[in-house]
PDB file of N, CA and C in Angstrom:
ATOM      1  N   MET A   1      37.365 -14.115 -44.716  1.00  0.00           N
ATOM      2  CA  MET A   1      36.982 -14.616 -43.417  1.00  0.00           C
ATOM      3  C   MET A   1      38.205 -14.568 -42.487  1.00  0.00           C
ATOM      4  N   ALA A   2      38.001 -14.197 -41.197  1.00  0.00           N
ATOM      5  CA  ALA A   2      39.114 -14.057 -40.263  1.00  0.00           C
ATOM      6  C   ALA A   2      39.590 -15.460 -39.888  1.00  0.00           C
ATOM      7  N   LYS A   3      40.818 -15.534 -39.406  1.00  0.00           N
ATOM      8  CA  LYS A   3      41.396 -16.777 -39.041  1.00  0.00           C
ATOM      9  C   LYS A   3      40.554 -17.385 -37.837  1.00  0.00           C
ATOM     10  N   ILE A   4      40.273 -18.651 -37.975  1.00  0.00           N
ATOM     11  CA  ILE A   4      39.506 -19.337 -36.949  1.00  0.00           C
ATOM     12  C   ILE A   4      40.401 -19.903 -35.909  1.00  0.00           C
ATOM     13  N   THR A   5      40.081 -19.659 -34.638  1.00  0.00           N
ATOM     14  CA  THR A   5      40.963 -20.158 -33.555  1.00  0.00           C
ATOM     15  C   THR A   5      40.467 -21.566 -33.212  1.00  0.00           C
ATOM     16  N   LYS A   6      41.331 -22.249 -32.482  1.00  0.00           N
ATOM     17  CA  LYS A   6      41.023 -23.600 -32.019  1.00  0.00           C
ATOM     18  C   LYS A   6      39.794 -23.578 -31.109  1.00  0.00           C
ATOM     19  N   GLU A   7      39.685 -22.517 -30.303  1.00  0.00           N
ATOM     20  CA  GLU A   7      38.550 -22.403 -29.387  1.00  0.00           C
ATOM     21  C   GLU A   7      37.252 -22.212 -30.133  1.00  0.00           C
ATOM     22  N   GLN A   8      37.294 -21.388 -31.233  1.00  0.00           N
ATOM     23  CA  GLN A   8      36.061 -21.190 -32.035  1.00  0.00           C
ATOM     24  C   GLN A   8      35.683 -22.522 -32.751  1.00  0.00           C
ATOM     25  N   TYR A   9      36.728 -23.271 -33.223  1.00  0.00           N
ATOM     26  CA  TYR A   9      36.506 -24.525 -33.868  1.00  0.00           C
ATOM     27  C   TYR A   9      35.819 -25.513 -32.910  1.00  0.00           C
ATOM     28  N   GLU A  10      36.379 -25.597 -31.673  1.00  0.00           N
ATOM     29  CA  GLU A  10      35.773 -26.529 -30.657  1.00  0.00           C
ATOM     30  C   GLU A  10      34.382 -26.131 -30.274  1.00  0.00           C
ATOM     31  N   PHE A  11      34.163 -24.800 -30.174  1.00  0.00           N
ATOM     32  CA  PHE A  11      32.777 -24.304 -29.847  1.00  0.00           C
ATOM     33  C   PHE A  11      31.837 -24.718 -31.000  1.00  0.00           C
ATOM     34  N   ALA A  12      32.297 -24.526 -32.199  1.00  0.00           N
ATOM     35  CA  ALA A  12      31.392 -24.820 -33.383  1.00  0.00           C
ATOM     36  C   ALA A  12      31.092 -26.328 -33.434  1.00  0.00           C
ATOM     37  N   LEU A  13      32.061 -27.161 -33.122  1.00  0.00           N
ATOM     38  CA  LEU A  13      31.838 -28.658 -33.129  1.00  0.00           C
ATOM     39  C   LEU A  13      30.773 -28.970 -32.043  1.00  0.00           C
ATOM     40  N   THR A  14      30.891 -28.390 -30.836  1.00  0.00           N
ATOM     41  CA  THR A  14      29.941 -28.632 -29.793  1.00  0.00           C
ATOM     42  C   THR A  14      28.521 -28.145 -30.188  1.00  0.00           C
ATOM     43  N   ARG A  15      28.525 -26.946 -30.771  1.00  0.00           N
ATOM     44  CA  ARG A  15      27.220 -26.354 -31.174  1.00  0.00           C
ATOM     45  C   ARG A  15      26.532 -27.194 -32.260  1.00  0.00           C
ATOM     46  N   ILE A  16      27.371 -27.684 -33.207  1.00  0.00           N
ATOM     47  CA  ILE A  16      26.765 -28.600 -34.243  1.00  0.00           C
ATOM     48  C   ILE A  16      26.073 -29.810 -33.634  1.00  0.00           C
ATOM     49  N   GLU A  17      26.732 -30.396 -32.657  1.00  0.00           N
ATOM     50  CA  GLU A  17      26.112 -31.555 -31.956  1.00  0.00           C
ATOM     51  C   GLU A  17      24.800 -31.189 -31.353  1.00  0.00           C
ATOM     52  N   GLU A  18      24.739 -29.979 -30.814  1.00  0.00           N
ATOM     53  CA  GLU A  18      23.442 -29.472 -30.214  1.00  0.00           C
ATOM     54  C   GLU A  18      22.374 -29.190 -31.278  1.00  0.00           C
ATOM     55  N   LEU A  19      22.764 -28.701 -32.426  1.00  0.00           N
ATOM     56  CA  LEU A  19      21.869 -28.318 -33.446  1.00  0.00           C
ATOM     57  C   LEU A  19      21.348 -29.395 -34.299  1.00  0.00           C
ATOM     58  N   LEU A  20      22.199 -30.434 -34.490  1.00  0.00           N
ATOM     59  CA  LEU A  20      21.775 -31.512 -35.387  1.00  0.00           C
ATOM     60  C   LEU A  20      20.451 -32.157 -35.074  1.00  0.00           C
ATOM     61  N   PRO A  21      20.103 -32.445 -33.808  1.00  0.00           N
ATOM     62  CA  PRO A  21      18.787 -33.001 -33.561  1.00  0.00           C
ATOM     63  C   PRO A  21      17.660 -32.024 -33.832  1.00  0.00           C
ATOM     64  N   LEU A  22      17.865 -30.776 -33.914  1.00  0.00           N
ATOM     65  CA  LEU A  22      16.901 -29.750 -34.139  1.00  0.00           C
ATOM     66  C   LEU A  22      16.575 -29.448 -35.609  1.00  0.00           C
ATOM     67  N   VAL A  23      17.469 -29.930 -36.476  1.00  0.00           N
ATOM     68  CA  VAL A  23      17.388 -29.552 -37.913  1.00  0.00           C
ATOM     69  C   VAL A  23      17.318 -30.882 -38.711  1.00  0.00           C
ATOM     70  N   ASP A  24      16.368 -30.976 -39.669  1.00  0.00           N
ATOM     71  CA  ASP A  24      16.312 -32.119 -40.537  1.00  0.00           C
ATOM     72  C   ASP A  24      15.988 -31.634 -41.958  1.00  0.00           C
ATOM     73  N   ASP A  25      15.716 -32.546 -42.871  1.00  0.00           N
ATOM     74  CA  ASP A  25      15.492 -32.205 -44.257  1.00  0.00           C
ATOM     75  C   ASP A  25      14.246 -31.332 -44.463  1.00  0.00           C
ATOM     76  N   ASN A  26      13.317 -31.393 -43.566  1.00  0.00           N
ATOM     77  CA  ASN A  26      12.064 -30.592 -43.598  1.00  0.00           C
ATOM     78  C   ASN A  26      12.157 -29.229 -43.003  1.00  0.00           C
ATOM     79  N   THR A  27      13.324 -28.953 -42.408  1.00  0.00           N
ATOM     80  CA  THR A  27      13.486 -27.614 -41.691  1.00  0.00           C
ATOM     81  C   THR A  27      13.656 -26.559 -42.804  1.00  0.00           C
ATOM     82  N   PRO A  28      12.943 -25.467 -42.741  1.00  0.00           N
ATOM     83  CA  PRO A  28      13.097 -24.415 -43.794  1.00  0.00           C
ATOM     84  C   PRO A  28      14.570 -23.839 -43.738  1.00  0.00           C
ATOM     85  N   ALA A  29      15.018 -23.457 -44.859  1.00  0.00           N
ATOM     86  CA  ALA A  29      16.372 -22.910 -44.974  1.00  0.00           C
ATOM     87  C   ALA A  29      16.582 -21.616 -44.165  1.00  0.00           C
ATOM     88  N   ASN A  30      15.445 -20.919 -43.949  1.00  0.00           N
ATOM     89  CA  ASN A  30      15.546 -19.633 -43.189  1.00  0.00           C
ATOM     90  C   ASN A  30      15.271 -19.801 -41.731  1.00  0.00           C
ATOM     91  N   ASP A  31      15.172 -21.063 -41.273  1.00  0.00           N
ATOM     92  CA  ASP A  31      15.005 -21.382 -39.853  1.00  0.00           C
ATOM     93  C   ASP A  31      16.311 -20.925 -39.116  1.00  0.00           C
ATOM     94  N   ARG A  32      16.091 -20.371 -37.914  1.00  0.00           N
ATOM     95  CA  ARG A  32      17.232 -19.886 -37.140  1.00  0.00           C
ATOM     96  C   ARG A  32      18.265 -20.968 -36.843  1.00  0.00           C
ATOM     97  N   ASP A  33      17.802 -22.113 -36.471  1.00  0.00           N
ATOM     98  CA  ASP A  33      18.691 -23.242 -36.144  1.00  0.00           C
ATOM     99  C   ASP A  33      19.436 -23.728 -37.402  1.00  0.00           C
ATOM    100  N   ALA A  34      18.714 -23.816 -38.529  1.00  0.00           N
ATOM    101  CA  ALA A  34      19.334 -24.211 -39.783  1.00  0.00           C
ATOM    102  C   ALA A  34      20.449 -23.266 -40.212  1.00  0.00           C
ATOM    103  N   ILE A  35      20.151 -21.948 -40.074  1.00  0.00           N
ATOM    104  CA  ILE A  35      21.141 -20.951 -40.437  1.00  0.00           C
ATOM    105  C   ILE A  35      22.373 -21.092 -39.516  1.00  0.00           C
ATOM    106  N   GLU A  36      22.128 -21.210 -38.209  1.00  0.00           N
ATOM    107  CA  GLU A  36      23.271 -21.376 -37.289  1.00  0.00           C
ATOM    108  C   GLU A  36      24.064 -22.629 -37.580  1.00  0.00           C
ATOM    109  N   LEU A  37      23.362 -23.684 -37.910  1.00  0.00           N
ATOM    110  CA  LEU A  37      24.074 -24.973 -38.216  1.00  0.00           C
ATOM    111  C   LEU A  37      24.947 -24.786 -39.440  1.00  0.00           C
ATOM    112  N   THR A  38      24.460 -24.068 -40.422  1.00  0.00           N
ATOM    113  CA  THR A  38      25.285 -23.780 -41.627  1.00  0.00           C
ATOM    114  C   THR A  38      26.535 -22.959 -41.317  1.00  0.00           C
ATOM    115  N   MET A  39      26.332 -21.979 -40.500  1.00  0.00           N
ATOM    116  CA  MET A  39      27.401 -21.096 -40.095  1.00  0.00           C
ATOM    117  C   MET A  39      28.463 -21.918 -39.281  1.00  0.00           C
ATOM    118  N   MET A  40      27.998 -22.686 -38.355  1.00  0.00           N
ATOM    119  CA  MET A  40      28.939 -23.513 -37.534  1.00  0.00           C
ATOM    120  C   MET A  40      29.681 -24.482 -38.424  1.00  0.00           C
ATOM    121  N   SER A  41      28.988 -25.070 -39.390  1.00  0.00           N
ATOM    122  CA  SER A  41      29.602 -26.042 -40.303  1.00  0.00           C
ATOM    123  C   SER A  41      30.688 -25.355 -41.155  1.00  0.00           C
ATOM    124  N   ASP A  42      30.380 -24.131 -41.562  1.00  0.00           N
ATOM    125  CA  ASP A  42      31.401 -23.388 -42.348  1.00  0.00           C
ATOM    126  C   ASP A  42      32.616 -23.125 -41.508  1.00  0.00           C
ATOM    127  N   ILE A  43      32.470 -22.814 -40.230  1.00  0.00           N
ATOM    128  CA  ILE A  43      33.650 -22.603 -39.328  1.00  0.00           C
ATOM    129  C   ILE A  43      34.464 -23.885 -39.261  1.00  0.00           C
ATOM    130  N   VAL A  44      33.786 -24.999 -39.027  1.00  0.00           N
ATOM    131  CA  VAL A  44      34.487 -26.287 -38.888  1.00  0.00           C
ATOM    132  C   VAL A  44      35.241 -26.623 -40.213  1.00  0.00           C
ATOM    133  N   ILE A  45      34.560 -26.470 -41.315  1.00  0.00           N
ATOM    134  CA  ILE A  45      35.174 -26.763 -42.603  1.00  0.00           C
ATOM    135  C   ILE A  45      36.421 -25.886 -42.871  1.00  0.00           C
ATOM    136  N   GLY A  46      36.219 -24.601 -42.585  1.00  0.00           N
ATOM    137  CA  GLY A  46      37.367 -23.681 -42.803  1.00  0.00           C
ATOM    138  C   GLY A  46      38.597 -24.020 -41.948  1.00  0.00           C
ATOM    139  N   TYR A  47      38.351 -24.370 -40.676  1.00  0.00           N
ATOM    140  CA  TYR A  47      39.413 -24.708 -39.748  1.00  0.00           C
ATOM    141  C   TYR A  47      40.117 -26.004 -40.189  1.00  0.00           C
ATOM    142  N   GLU A  48      39.299 -27.020 -40.533  1.00  0.00           N
ATOM    143  CA  GLU A  48      39.797 -28.290 -40.917  1.00  0.00           C
ATOM    144  C   GLU A  48      40.606 -28.232 -42.245  1.00  0.00           C
ATOM    145  N   LYS A  49      40.124 -27.422 -43.172  1.00  0.00           N
ATOM    146  CA  LYS A  49      40.892 -27.274 -44.434  1.00  0.00           C
ATOM    147  C   LYS A  49      42.284 -26.709 -44.170  1.00  0.00           C
ATOM    148  N   GLU A  50      42.338 -25.757 -43.236  1.00  0.00           N
ATOM    149  CA  GLU A  50      43.659 -25.231 -42.899  1.00  0.00           C
ATOM    150  C   GLU A  50      44.564 -26.111 -42.079  1.00  0.00           C
ATOM    151  N   HIS A  51      43.951 -26.780 -41.046  1.00  0.00           N
ATOM    152  CA  HIS A  51      44.764 -27.510 -40.095  1.00  0.00           C
ATOM    153  C   HIS A  51      44.869 -29.023 -40.330  1.00  0.00           C
ATOM    154  N   PHE A  52      43.963 -29.549 -41.083  1.00  0.00           N
ATOM    155  CA  PHE A  52      43.943 -30.955 -41.390  1.00  0.00           C
ATOM    156  C   PHE A  52      43.765 -31.225 -42.872  1.00  0.00           C
ATOM    157  N   PRO A  53      44.650 -30.671 -43.708  1.00  0.00           N
ATOM    158  CA  PRO A  53      44.455 -30.840 -45.134  1.00  0.00           C
ATOM    159  C   PRO A  53      44.596 -32.253 -45.575  1.00  0.00           C
ATOM    160  N   ILE A  54      43.869 -32.667 -46.596  1.00  0.00           N
ATOM    161  CA  ILE A  54      43.947 -34.005 -47.133  1.00  0.00           C
ATOM    162  C   ILE A  54      44.691 -33.894 -48.428  1.00  0.00           C
ATOM    163  N   ASN A  55      45.949 -34.476 -48.468  1.00  0.00           N
ATOM    164  CA  ASN A  55      46.721 -34.393 -49.681  1.00  0.00           C
ATOM    165  C   ASN A  55      46.260 -35.413 -50.660  1.00  0.00           C
ATOM    166  N   LYS A  56      46.450 -35.117 -51.925  1.00  0.00           N
ATOM    167  CA  LYS A  56      46.131 -36.116 -53.009  1.00  0.00           C
ATOM    168  C   LYS A  56      47.135 -37.256 -52.898  1.00  0.00           C
ATOM    169  N   PRO A  57      46.678 -38.481 -53.171  1.00  0.00           N
ATOM    170  CA  PRO A  57      47.628 -39.587 -53.116  1.00  0.00           C
ATOM    171  C   PRO A  57      48.595 -39.505 -54.258  1.00  0.00           C
ATOM    172  N   THR A  58      49.824 -40.034 -54.005  1.00  0.00           N
ATOM    173  CA  THR A  58      50.811 -40.142 -55.046  1.00  0.00           C
ATOM    174  C   THR A  58      50.466 -41.271 -55.998  1.00  0.00           C
ATOM    175  N   VAL A  59      51.144 -41.268 -57.159  1.00  0.00           N
ATOM    176  CA  VAL A  59      50.973 -42.354 -58.108  1.00  0.00           C
ATOM    177  C   VAL A  59      51.257 -43.730 -57.399  1.00  0.00           C
ATOM    178  N   GLY A  60      52.343 -43.746 -56.658  1.00  0.00           N
ATOM    179  CA  GLY A  60      52.674 -44.991 -55.937  1.00  0.00           C
ATOM    180  C   GLY A  60      51.595 -45.472 -55.007  1.00  0.00           C
ATOM    181  N   GLN A  61      51.033 -44.485 -54.298  1.00  0.00           N
ATOM    182  CA  GLN A  61      49.922 -44.836 -53.338  1.00  0.00           C
ATOM    183  C   GLN A  61      48.674 -45.361 -54.084  1.00  0.00           C
ATOM    184  N   LEU A  62      48.447 -44.756 -55.267  1.00  0.00           N
ATOM    185  CA  LEU A  62      47.285 -45.181 -56.039  1.00  0.00           C
ATOM    186  C   LEU A  62      47.505 -46.616 -56.539  1.00  0.00           C
ATOM    187  N   ILE A  63      48.735 -46.870 -57.000  1.00  0.00           N
ATOM    188  CA  ILE A  63      48.998 -48.158 -57.489  1.00  0.00           C
ATOM    189  C   ILE A  63      48.858 -49.233 -56.358  1.00  0.00           C
ATOM    190  N   GLN A  64      49.487 -48.913 -55.262  1.00  0.00           N
ATOM    191  CA  GLN A  64      49.450 -49.884 -54.116  1.00  0.00           C
ATOM    192  C   GLN A  64      48.063 -50.101 -53.592  1.00  0.00           C
ATOM    193  N   LEU A  65      47.263 -49.077 -53.461  1.00  0.00           N
ATOM    194  CA  LEU A  65      45.898 -49.211 -53.027  1.00  0.00           C
ATOM    195  C   LEU A  65      45.107 -50.057 -54.041  1.00  0.00           C
ATOM    196  N   SER A  66      45.278 -49.837 -55.321  1.00  0.00           N
ATOM    197  CA  SER A  66      44.568 -50.613 -56.336  1.00  0.00           C
ATOM    198  C   SER A  66      45.024 -52.069 -56.335  1.00  0.00           C
ATOM    199  N   LEU A  67      46.294 -52.292 -56.156  1.00  0.00           N
ATOM    200  CA  LEU A  67      46.815 -53.668 -56.009  1.00  0.00           C
ATOM    201  C   LEU A  67      46.139 -54.389 -54.911  1.00  0.00           C
ATOM    202  N   ASN A  68      46.083 -53.741 -53.726  1.00  0.00           N
ATOM    203  CA  ASN A  68      45.477 -54.278 -52.531  1.00  0.00           C
ATOM    204  C   ASN A  68      43.978 -54.592 -52.778  1.00  0.00           C
ATOM    205  N   GLU A  69      43.264 -53.694 -53.377  1.00  0.00           N
ATOM    206  CA  GLU A  69      41.831 -53.859 -53.634  1.00  0.00           C
ATOM    207  C   GLU A  69      41.607 -55.029 -54.615  1.00  0.00           C
ATOM    208  N   LYS A  70      42.563 -55.205 -55.571  1.00  0.00           N
ATOM    209  CA  LYS A  70      42.383 -56.278 -56.558  1.00  0.00           C
ATOM    210  C   LYS A  70      43.075 -57.589 -56.152  1.00  0.00           C
ATOM    211  N   ASN A  71      43.625 -57.604 -54.917  1.00  0.00           N
ATOM    212  CA  ASN A  71      44.410 -58.812 -54.480  1.00  0.00           C
ATOM    213  C   ASN A  71      45.404 -59.225 -55.491  1.00  0.00           C
ATOM    214  N   MET A  72      46.174 -58.251 -56.011  1.00  0.00           N
ATOM    215  CA  MET A  72      47.121 -58.501 -57.093  1.00  0.00           C
ATOM    216  C   MET A  72      48.573 -58.105 -56.551  1.00  0.00           C
ATOM    217  N   THR A  73      49.564 -58.850 -56.938  1.00  0.00           N
ATOM    218  CA  THR A  73      50.932 -58.537 -56.561  1.00  0.00           C
ATOM    219  C   THR A  73      51.533 -57.594 -57.606  1.00  0.00           C
ATOM    220  N   GLN A  74      52.637 -56.964 -57.209  1.00  0.00           N
ATOM    221  CA  GLN A  74      53.381 -56.080 -58.158  1.00  0.00           C
ATOM    222  C   GLN A  74      53.894 -56.919 -59.313  1.00  0.00           C
ATOM    223  N   LYS A  75      54.251 -58.152 -59.044  1.00  0.00           N
ATOM    224  CA  LYS A  75      54.771 -59.012 -60.092  1.00  0.00           C
ATOM    225  C   LYS A  75      53.619 -59.326 -61.108  1.00  0.00           C
ATOM    226  N   GLN A  76      52.439 -59.567 -60.641  1.00  0.00           N
ATOM    227  CA  GLN A  76      51.295 -59.856 -61.539  1.00  0.00           C
ATOM    228  C   GLN A  76      50.990 -58.625 -62.378  1.00  0.00           C
ATOM    229  N   LEU A  77      51.035 -57.475 -61.715  1.00  0.00           N
ATOM    230  CA  LEU A  77      50.753 -56.201 -62.435  1.00  0.00           C
ATOM    231  C   LEU A  77      51.842 -56.013 -63.525  1.00  0.00           C
ATOM    232  N   ALA A  78      53.061 -56.224 -63.196  1.00  0.00           N
ATOM    233  CA  ALA A  78      54.205 -56.053 -64.101  1.00  0.00           C
ATOM    234  C   ALA A  78      53.955 -56.938 -65.381  1.00  0.00           C
ATOM    235  N   SER A  79      53.545 -58.153 -65.107  1.00  0.00           N
ATOM    236  CA  SER A  79      53.321 -59.126 -66.244  1.00  0.00           C
ATOM    237  C   SER A  79      52.142 -58.640 -67.115  1.00  0.00           C
ATOM    238  N   LYS A  80      51.083 -58.127 -66.519  1.00  0.00           N
ATOM    239  CA  LYS A  80      49.934 -57.706 -67.275  1.00  0.00           C
ATOM    240  C   LYS A  80      50.232 -56.500 -68.143  1.00  0.00           C
ATOM    241  N   ILE A  81      51.096 -55.565 -67.680  1.00  0.00           N
ATOM    242  CA  ILE A  81      51.337 -54.333 -68.474  1.00  0.00           C
ATOM    243  C   ILE A  81      52.680 -54.370 -69.222  1.00  0.00           C
ATOM    244  N   GLY A  82      53.435 -55.429 -69.036  1.00  0.00           N
ATOM    245  CA  GLY A  82      54.705 -55.574 -69.819  1.00  0.00           C
ATOM    246  C   GLY A  82      55.854 -54.776 -69.348  1.00  0.00           C
ATOM    247  N   VAL A  83      55.983 -54.653 -68.059  1.00  0.00           N
ATOM    248  CA  VAL A  83      57.184 -54.017 -67.457  1.00  0.00           C
ATOM    249  C   VAL A  83      57.788 -54.979 -66.481  1.00  0.00           C
ATOM    250  N   SER A  84      58.966 -54.639 -65.996  1.00  0.00           N
ATOM    251  CA  SER A  84      59.636 -55.484 -64.977  1.00  0.00           C
ATOM    252  C   SER A  84      59.012 -55.261 -63.618  1.00  0.00           C
ATOM    253  N   PRO A  85      59.038 -56.258 -62.759  1.00  0.00           N
ATOM    254  CA  PRO A  85      58.519 -56.087 -61.388  1.00  0.00           C
ATOM    255  C   PRO A  85      59.327 -54.971 -60.633  1.00  0.00           C
ATOM    256  N   SER A  86      60.628 -54.824 -60.970  1.00  0.00           N
ATOM    257  CA  SER A  86      61.377 -53.824 -60.291  1.00  0.00           C
ATOM    258  C   SER A  86      60.918 -52.433 -60.718  1.00  0.00           C
ATOM    259  N   ARG A  87      60.384 -52.304 -61.944  1.00  0.00           N
ATOM    260  CA  ARG A  87      59.834 -51.026 -62.443  1.00  0.00           C
ATOM    261  C   ARG A  87      58.613 -50.635 -61.650  1.00  0.00           C
ATOM    262  N   ILE A  88      57.740 -51.641 -61.390  1.00  0.00           N
ATOM    263  CA  ILE A  88      56.504 -51.471 -60.613  1.00  0.00           C
ATOM    264  C   ILE A  88      56.951 -50.992 -59.251  1.00  0.00           C
ATOM    265  N   SER A  89      57.921 -51.606 -58.671  1.00  0.00           N
ATOM    266  CA  SER A  89      58.427 -51.225 -57.344  1.00  0.00           C
ATOM    267  C   SER A  89      58.966 -49.804 -57.339  1.00  0.00           C
ATOM    268  N   ASP A  90      59.622 -49.392 -58.460  1.00  0.00           N
ATOM    269  CA  ASP A  90      60.090 -47.971 -58.555  1.00  0.00           C
ATOM    270  C   ASP A  90      58.914 -47.025 -58.556  1.00  0.00           C
ATOM    271  N   TYR A  91      57.796 -47.354 -59.256  1.00  0.00           N
ATOM    272  CA  TYR A  91      56.603 -46.513 -59.305  1.00  0.00           C
ATOM    273  C   TYR A  91      55.970 -46.385 -57.882  1.00  0.00           C
ATOM    274  N   VAL A  92      55.864 -47.553 -57.224  1.00  0.00           N
ATOM    275  CA  VAL A  92      55.172 -47.548 -55.919  1.00  0.00           C
ATOM    276  C   VAL A  92      56.014 -46.787 -54.863  1.00  0.00           C
ATOM    277  N   SER A  93      57.334 -46.897 -54.970  1.00  0.00           N
ATOM    278  CA  SER A  93      58.198 -46.211 -53.974  1.00  0.00           C
ATOM    279  C   SER A  93      58.376 -44.775 -54.318  1.00  0.00           C
ATOM    280  N   GLY A  94      58.063 -44.341 -55.549  1.00  0.00           N
ATOM    281  CA  GLY A  94      58.278 -42.932 -55.931  1.00  0.00           C
ATOM    282  C   GLY A  94      59.570 -42.702 -56.522  1.00  0.00           C
ATOM    283  N   ARG A  95      60.404 -43.736 -56.802  1.00  0.00           N
ATOM    284  CA  ARG A  95      61.691 -43.538 -57.398  1.00  0.00           C
ATOM    285  C   ARG A  95      61.596 -43.219 -58.846  1.00  0.00           C
ATOM    286  N   ALA A  96      60.461 -43.554 -59.492  1.00  0.00           N
ATOM    287  CA  ALA A  96      60.231 -43.285 -60.930  1.00  0.00           C
ATOM    288  C   ALA A  96      58.778 -43.022 -61.165  1.00  0.00           C
ATOM    289  N   GLU A  97      58.519 -42.230 -62.215  1.00  0.00           N
ATOM    290  CA  GLU A  97      57.189 -41.956 -62.672  1.00  0.00           C
ATOM    291  C   GLU A  97      56.929 -42.759 -63.941  1.00  0.00           C
ATOM    292  N   PRO A  98      55.728 -43.251 -64.080  1.00  0.00           N
ATOM    293  CA  PRO A  98      55.437 -43.994 -65.320  1.00  0.00           C
ATOM    294  C   PRO A  98      55.373 -43.099 -66.533  1.00  0.00           C
ATOM    295  N   THR A  99      55.773 -43.647 -67.666  1.00  0.00           N
ATOM    296  CA  THR A  99      55.586 -42.936 -68.918  1.00  0.00           C
ATOM    297  C   THR A  99      54.064 -42.763 -69.208  1.00  0.00           C
ATOM    298  N   LEU A 100      53.713 -41.985 -70.123  1.00  0.00           N
ATOM    299  CA  LEU A 100      52.267 -41.808 -70.508  1.00  0.00           C
ATOM    300  C   LEU A 100      51.691 -43.134 -70.919  1.00  0.00           C
ATOM    301  N   LYS A 101      52.442 -43.926 -71.722  1.00  0.00           N
ATOM    302  CA  LYS A 101      51.935 -45.217 -72.183  1.00  0.00           C
ATOM    303  C   LYS A 101      51.691 -46.175 -70.962  1.00  0.00           C
ATOM    304  N   VAL A 102      52.639 -46.214 -70.054  1.00  0.00           N
ATOM    305  CA  VAL A 102      52.529 -47.083 -68.880  1.00  0.00           C
ATOM    306  C   VAL A 102      51.398 -46.595 -67.976  1.00  0.00           C
ATOM    307  N   ALA A 103      51.295 -45.291 -67.808  1.00  0.00           N
ATOM    308  CA  ALA A 103      50.163 -44.661 -67.027  1.00  0.00           C
ATOM    309  C   ALA A 103      48.837 -45.068 -67.561  1.00  0.00           C
ATOM    310  N   ARG A 104      48.703 -45.073 -68.896  1.00  0.00           N
ATOM    311  CA  ARG A 104      47.486 -45.493 -69.573  1.00  0.00           C
ATOM    312  C   ARG A 104      47.196 -46.990 -69.239  1.00  0.00           C
ATOM    313  N   LEU A 105      48.197 -47.820 -69.315  1.00  0.00           N
ATOM    314  CA  LEU A 105      48.019 -49.225 -69.010  1.00  0.00           C
ATOM    315  C   LEU A 105      47.671 -49.431 -67.553  1.00  0.00           C
ATOM    316  N   LEU A 106      48.311 -48.627 -66.669  1.00  0.00           N
ATOM    317  CA  LEU A 106      47.954 -48.743 -65.244  1.00  0.00           C
ATOM    318  C   LEU A 106      46.498 -48.376 -65.024  1.00  0.00           C
ATOM    319  N   CYS A 107      46.037 -47.319 -65.644  1.00  0.00           N
ATOM    320  CA  CYS A 107      44.660 -46.907 -65.504  1.00  0.00           C
ATOM    321  C   CYS A 107      43.702 -48.002 -65.995  1.00  0.00           C
ATOM    322  N   MET A 108      43.945 -48.588 -67.134  1.00  0.00           N
ATOM    323  CA  MET A 108      43.071 -49.620 -67.690  1.00  0.00           C
ATOM    324  C   MET A 108      43.131 -50.836 -66.820  1.00  0.00           C
ATOM    325  N   THR A 109      44.286 -51.248 -66.395  1.00  0.00           N
ATOM    326  CA  THR A 109      44.453 -52.494 -65.667  1.00  0.00           C
ATOM    327  C   THR A 109      43.964 -52.391 -64.204  1.00  0.00           C
ATOM    328  N   LEU A 110      44.190 -51.270 -63.586  1.00  0.00           N
ATOM    329  CA  LEU A 110      43.851 -51.141 -62.137  1.00  0.00           C
ATOM    330  C   LEU A 110      42.564 -50.375 -61.911  1.00  0.00           C
ATOM    331  N   GLY A 111      41.992 -49.790 -62.961  1.00  0.00           N
ATOM    332  CA  GLY A 111      40.767 -49.020 -62.769  1.00  0.00           C
ATOM    333  C   GLY A 111      40.971 -47.708 -62.107  1.00  0.00           C
ATOM    334  N   ILE A 112      42.147 -47.136 -62.312  1.00  0.00           N
ATOM    335  CA  ILE A 112      42.471 -45.789 -61.801  1.00  0.00           C
ATOM    336  C   ILE A 112      42.095 -44.724 -62.826  1.00  0.00           C
ATOM    337  N   THR A 113      41.459 -43.683 -62.442  1.00  0.00           N
ATOM    338  CA  THR A 113      41.032 -42.692 -63.391  1.00  0.00           C
ATOM    339  C   THR A 113      42.276 -41.939 -63.877  1.00  0.00           C
ATOM    340  N   PRO A 114      42.320 -41.536 -65.162  1.00  0.00           N
ATOM    341  CA  PRO A 114      43.439 -40.748 -65.650  1.00  0.00           C
ATOM    342  C   PRO A 114      43.658 -39.441 -64.843  1.00  0.00           C
ATOM    343  N   ALA A 115      42.568 -38.841 -64.405  1.00  0.00           N
ATOM    344  CA  ALA A 115      42.711 -37.592 -63.686  1.00  0.00           C
ATOM    345  C   ALA A 115      43.480 -37.830 -62.334  1.00  0.00           C
ATOM    346  N   ALA A 116      43.202 -38.952 -61.651  1.00  0.00           N
ATOM    347  CA  ALA A 116      43.842 -39.277 -60.408  1.00  0.00           C
ATOM    348  C   ALA A 116      45.326 -39.561 -60.645  1.00  0.00           C
ATOM    349  N   ILE A 117      45.636 -40.274 -61.671  1.00  0.00           N
ATOM    350  CA  ILE A 117      47.090 -40.625 -61.942  1.00  0.00           C
ATOM    351  C   ILE A 117      47.869 -39.411 -62.347  1.00  0.00           C
ATOM    352  N   LEU A 118      47.185 -38.427 -62.969  1.00  0.00           N
ATOM    353  CA  LEU A 118      47.859 -37.135 -63.351  1.00  0.00           C
ATOM    354  C   LEU A 118      47.895 -36.151 -62.173  1.00  0.00           C
ATOM    355  N   GLY A 119      47.252 -36.500 -61.116  1.00  0.00           N
ATOM    356  CA  GLY A 119      47.273 -35.620 -59.918  1.00  0.00           C
ATOM    357  C   GLY A 119      46.238 -34.576 -59.847  1.00  0.00           C
ATOM    358  N   TYR A 120      45.110 -34.778 -60.560  1.00  0.00           N
ATOM    359  CA  TYR A 120      44.036 -33.712 -60.571  1.00  0.00           C
ATOM    360  C   TYR A 120      42.943 -34.094 -59.600  1.00  0.00           C
TER     361      TYR A 120
END
């Protein structure tokens, strides 16, 4: 696919807004508006993947987010998994990576999937 320009992206966004009211779940897949909506959507997705990529969260970000969701402090987490609070701080700041054993405990304690903590 050719490189998508900002102008093409903006046109596609505008066209999607115009097409959305014309297409619903009952519209046949071979309908002209449905086909155009799919094409415009592909343009937007392609442009946004290139210009607005979403990076995977770091281990530290995963830990901090999970702590916030669980209303838990770094000190409480450290106590639960048997490491020092400063070690948790090292993981959150990115100064250190957890060992496999600690990563397993983090997953179990915080509800983080192993794939996420491994960066997949």
